[in-house]
Amino acid sequence: MDEIFTPRQALEVATEMRLSGSRRLALVLPTTPSILEGKSGAWTVVGRCGQPDVTKATDVLRRVQEQDVDSIIIRTDQLHHPGDATVLILLEDCSLYLSPIEFILNDKYGYSLVIWTASGLSKLPPKSSFKDIGFHIAKHLQDCSLLKAAWLERDRQALRMPEYRCKARRRQLRFLQSSVANAYMAVPSSPLILPLLNQITDIEGLPCHEIAR
């Protein structure tokens, strides 16, 4: 690709759409220095908590119910933690967890999705299929890698991979198993310990996609 359509250009185009009368827009943008340094203006920004002018996804959904929030920027690349990315998307070449907020805004509240990609904006009307939304968000995250060092969330994307979550859950289960065994070491004949250890072992034996939830 000779020239990348920049996230800043995407914001400018989407702002023109908003100013020309388009209502209920949800713009999906990657986290880059130019986006963080720029002014979001009338846009409500969803992303990781603790950043200036960023609203939690749950708070935005509550505001959408209580009042008319027309323009939302979603930094979906920041929503990679297991508590934020809960929708498992199965694609031909990979599987990953995505945030549900794009799906909810589009399906339940009638927002059009405007999604940055390296070649331009992808636009999805309200009530688009979950398959289409998942595909375009996955494409968005894939194209983010073309931004190279400018993509500030690059190193955190492993958190949305089922394999990564599975390994992390198995480590937690092994730690729990050891903790339970140590706690009951003084009373090894307790009727509580064996069923509990067996239950942990059963969970550890589940398929990876079930453990990763």
Protein backbone atom coordinates (compact mmCIF):
# COMPACT_ATOMS: atom_id res chain seq x y z
CA MET A 1 0.00 0.00 0.00
CA ASP A 2 1.64 3.24 -1.17
CA GLU A 3 -0.23 5.69 1.03
CA ILE A 4 -2.20 5.06 4.19
CA PHE A 5 -5.45 6.85 4.91
CA THR A 6 -4.53 8.31 8.28
CA PRO A 7 -6.66 8.20 11.43
CA ARG A 8 -6.58 12.00 11.48
CA GLN A 9 -8.03 12.12 7.96
CA ALA A 10 -10.71 9.68 9.09
CA LEU A 11 -11.68 11.97 11.95
CA GLU A 12 -11.87 14.96 9.62
CA VAL A 13 -14.10 13.10 7.15
CA ALA A 14 -16.37 11.79 9.89
CA THR A 15 -16.60 15.27 11.43
CA GLU A 16 -17.76 16.61 8.06
CA MET A 17 -20.38 13.87 7.97
CA ARG A 18 -21.57 14.89 11.41
CA LEU A 19 -21.66 18.59 10.54
CA SER A 20 -23.60 17.86 7.34
CA GLY A 21 -26.40 16.33 9.39
CA SER A 22 -25.51 12.68 9.88
CA ARG A 23 -26.85 11.58 13.24
CA ARG A 24 -25.87 8.75 15.54
CA LEU A 25 -22.38 8.07 14.25
CA ALA A 26 -19.93 5.75 16.01
CA LEU A 27 -16.42 6.27 14.62
CA VAL A 28 -13.84 3.53 15.29
CA LEU A 29 -10.31 4.95 15.39
CA PRO A 30 -6.89 3.55 16.37
CA THR A 31 -4.88 5.07 19.18
CA THR A 32 -2.12 7.21 17.65
CA PRO A 33 -0.29 10.34 18.87
CA SER A 34 -2.18 12.55 16.40
CA ILE A 35 -5.53 11.28 17.67
CA LEU A 36 -4.58 11.65 21.33
CA GLU A 37 -3.22 15.17 20.81
CA GLY A 38 -6.15 16.38 18.72
CA LYS A 39 -9.40 17.85 19.97
CA SER A 40 -12.38 15.53 19.95
CA GLY A 41 -14.82 18.44 19.99
CA ALA A 42 -18.43 17.28 20.09
CA TRP A 43 -17.44 13.61 20.01
CA THR A 44 -17.86 11.44 23.09
CA VAL A 45 -14.77 9.22 23.37
CA VAL A 46 -14.87 5.60 24.54
CA GLY A 47 -11.65 3.89 25.53
CA ARG A 48 -9.52 2.70 28.41
CA CYS A 49 -10.33 4.30 31.74
CA GLY A 50 -7.98 6.81 33.28
CA GLN A 51 -7.31 8.91 30.18
CA PRO A 52 -8.40 12.54 29.88
CA ASP A 53 -11.81 13.04 28.25
CA VAL A 54 -12.42 9.28 27.91
CA THR A 55 -15.67 7.70 29.03
CA LYS A 56 -16.17 4.06 30.03
CA ALA A 57 -18.22 2.00 27.60
CA THR A 58 -20.81 1.22 30.27
CA ASP A 59 -21.21 4.92 31.08
CA VAL A 60 -21.67 5.79 27.40
CA LEU A 61 -24.35 3.14 27.01
CA ARG A 62 -26.15 4.57 30.02
CA ARG A 63 -25.94 8.07 28.53
CA VAL A 64 -27.25 6.75 25.21
CA GLN A 65 -30.30 5.45 27.04
CA GLU A 66 -30.83 8.61 29.08
CA GLN A 67 -30.12 11.26 26.45
CA ASP A 68 -29.28 11.71 22.79
CA VAL A 69 -25.55 11.18 22.23
CA ASP A 70 -25.06 11.71 18.51
CA SER A 71 -21.32 11.32 17.92
CA ILE A 72 -19.10 8.68 19.54
CA ILE A 73 -15.45 7.83 18.94
CA ILE A 74 -14.56 4.26 19.93
CA ARG A 75 -10.90 3.49 20.51
CA THR A 76 -11.64 -0.19 20.24
CA ASP A 77 -7.95 -1.10 20.19
CA GLN A 78 -7.87 -0.04 23.85
CA LEU A 79 -10.72 -2.40 24.75
CA HIS A 80 -8.67 -5.59 24.80
CA HIS A 81 -8.85 -6.61 28.45
CA PRO A 82 -10.98 -9.74 29.14
CA GLY A 83 -13.46 -7.55 31.01
CA ASP A 84 -13.88 -5.28 27.97
CA ALA A 85 -13.49 -7.65 25.01
CA THR A 86 -16.07 -10.38 25.59
CA VAL A 87 -17.35 -11.20 22.07
CA LEU A 88 -15.47 -14.10 20.46
CA ILE A 89 -15.26 -13.75 16.67
CA LEU A 90 -14.31 -16.82 14.63
CA LEU A 91 -12.73 -15.89 11.30
CA GLU A 92 -11.19 -18.05 8.61
CA ASP A 93 -7.62 -17.18 9.55
CA CYS A 94 -7.92 -16.30 13.24
CA SER A 95 -10.14 -15.95 16.30
CA LEU A 96 -10.19 -12.98 18.64
CA TYR A 97 -12.24 -11.26 21.30
CA LEU A 98 -13.83 -7.90 20.52
CA SER A 99 -15.66 -5.31 22.57
CA PRO A 100 -19.46 -5.60 22.38
CA ILE A 101 -20.03 -1.84 22.28
CA GLU A 102 -20.00 -1.54 18.47
CA PHE A 103 -22.52 -4.37 18.19
CA ILE A 104 -24.82 -2.85 20.84
CA LEU A 105 -24.71 0.68 19.45
CA ASN A 106 -25.40 -0.53 15.91
CA ASP A 107 -28.09 -3.12 16.65
CA LYS A 108 -29.95 -1.76 19.68
CA TYR A 109 -29.51 2.00 19.38
CA GLY A 110 -29.38 2.57 15.62
CA TYR A 111 -25.86 3.98 15.27
CA SER A 112 -24.08 3.85 11.95
CA LEU A 113 -20.55 2.51 12.32
CA VAL A 114 -17.76 4.39 10.55
CA ILE A 115 -14.59 2.31 10.83
CA TRP A 116 -11.06 3.40 9.99
CA THR A 117 -9.03 1.16 7.69
CA ALA A 118 -5.75 1.90 5.95
CA SER A 119 -7.55 2.32 2.61
CA GLY A 120 -10.45 4.47 3.82
CA LEU A 121 -13.59 4.43 5.93
CA SER A 122 -15.84 1.39 6.09
CA LYS A 123 -19.46 2.33 6.75
CA LEU A 124 -22.05 0.01 8.25
CA PRO A 125 -25.70 1.11 8.58
CA PRO A 126 -27.80 0.38 11.68
CA LYS A 127 -28.91 -3.23 12.13
CA SER A 128 -25.93 -4.61 10.21
CA SER A 129 -25.23 -8.30 10.75
CA PHE A 130 -22.96 -9.28 13.63
CA LYS A 131 -20.82 -11.14 11.10
CA ASP A 132 -20.23 -7.95 9.07
CA ILE A 133 -19.44 -5.90 12.18
CA GLY A 134 -17.00 -8.51 13.46
CA PHE A 135 -15.29 -8.76 10.08
CA HIS A 136 -14.83 -4.99 9.72
CA ILE A 137 -13.58 -4.51 13.30
CA ALA A 138 -11.10 -7.35 12.79
CA LYS A 139 -9.96 -5.70 9.54
CA HIS A 140 -9.59 -2.42 11.42
CA LEU A 141 -7.31 -4.04 14.00
CA GLN A 142 -5.34 -5.79 11.29
CA ASP A 143 -4.76 -2.52 9.43
CA CYS A 144 -3.68 -0.82 12.65
CA SER A 145 -0.45 -2.81 12.42
CA LEU A 146 0.38 -0.90 9.21
CA LEU A 147 0.74 2.23 11.34
CA LYS A 148 3.83 0.61 12.89
CA ALA A 149 5.24 2.60 15.82
CA ALA A 150 2.44 5.16 15.59
CA TRP A 151 -0.02 2.52 16.81
CA LEU A 152 0.32 2.91 20.56
CA GLU A 153 -1.76 -0.16 21.46
CA ARG A 154 0.15 -2.65 19.29
CA ASP A 155 1.77 -4.61 22.14
CA ARG A 156 -1.49 -5.14 24.04
CA GLN A 157 -3.48 -6.91 21.32
CA ALA A 158 -2.38 -10.38 22.42
CA LEU A 159 -4.85 -9.99 25.29
CA ARG A 160 -7.73 -10.50 22.87
CA MET A 161 -6.42 -13.83 21.53
CA PRO A 162 -8.09 -17.02 22.89
CA GLU A 163 -4.73 -18.84 23.06
CA TYR A 164 -3.23 -16.11 25.25
CA ARG A 165 -6.25 -16.05 27.55
CA CYS A 166 -6.28 -19.83 27.78
CA LYS A 167 -2.65 -19.94 28.93
CA ALA A 168 -3.31 -17.19 31.47
CA ARG A 169 -6.38 -19.02 32.84
CA ARG A 170 -4.47 -22.30 33.11
CA ARG A 171 -1.72 -20.55 35.10
CA GLN A 172 -4.37 -19.12 37.42
CA LEU A 173 -5.97 -22.55 37.85
CA ARG A 174 -2.64 -24.16 38.71
CA PHE A 175 -1.98 -21.41 41.26
CA LEU A 176 -5.46 -21.95 42.73
CA GLN A 177 -4.87 -25.70 42.87
CA SER A 178 -1.61 -25.21 44.76
CA SER A 179 -3.21 -22.68 47.11
CA VAL A 180 -6.08 -25.04 47.96
CA ALA A 181 -3.71 -27.96 48.56
CA ASN A 182 -1.51 -25.82 50.84
CA ALA A 183 -4.50 -24.47 52.75
CA TYR A 184 -5.72 -27.98 53.58
CA MET A 185 -2.26 -29.48 54.19
CA ALA A 186 -2.88 -29.60 57.94
CA VAL A 187 -6.16 -31.47 57.43
CA PRO A 188 -5.59 -33.70 54.37
CA SER A 189 -8.51 -35.94 55.30
CA SER A 190 -11.02 -33.08 55.03
CA PRO A 191 -14.01 -34.12 52.88
CA LEU A 192 -13.87 -30.69 51.18
CA ILE A 193 -10.44 -30.86 49.59
CA LEU A 194 -10.71 -33.76 47.14
CA PRO A 195 -13.96 -32.62 45.42
CA LEU A 196 -12.58 -29.10 45.16
CA LEU A 197 -9.28 -30.22 43.65
CA ASN A 198 -11.15 -32.51 41.26
CA GLN A 199 -13.36 -29.63 40.18
CA ILE A 200 -10.32 -27.45 39.42
CA THR A 201 -8.77 -30.34 37.46
CA ASP A 202 -12.00 -30.72 35.46
CA ILE A 203 -12.00 -27.02 34.58
CA GLU A 204 -8.36 -27.18 33.54
CA GLY A 205 -9.27 -30.00 31.14
CA LEU A 206 -11.92 -27.98 29.31
CA PRO A 207 -11.33 -26.89 25.70
CA CYS A 208 -9.27 -23.73 25.36
CA HIS A 209 -12.16 -21.55 24.10
CA GLU A 210 -14.21 -22.39 27.22
CA ILE A 211 -11.38 -21.69 29.66
CA ALA A 212 -10.59 -18.40 27.91
CA ARG A 213 -14.05 -16.93 28.54
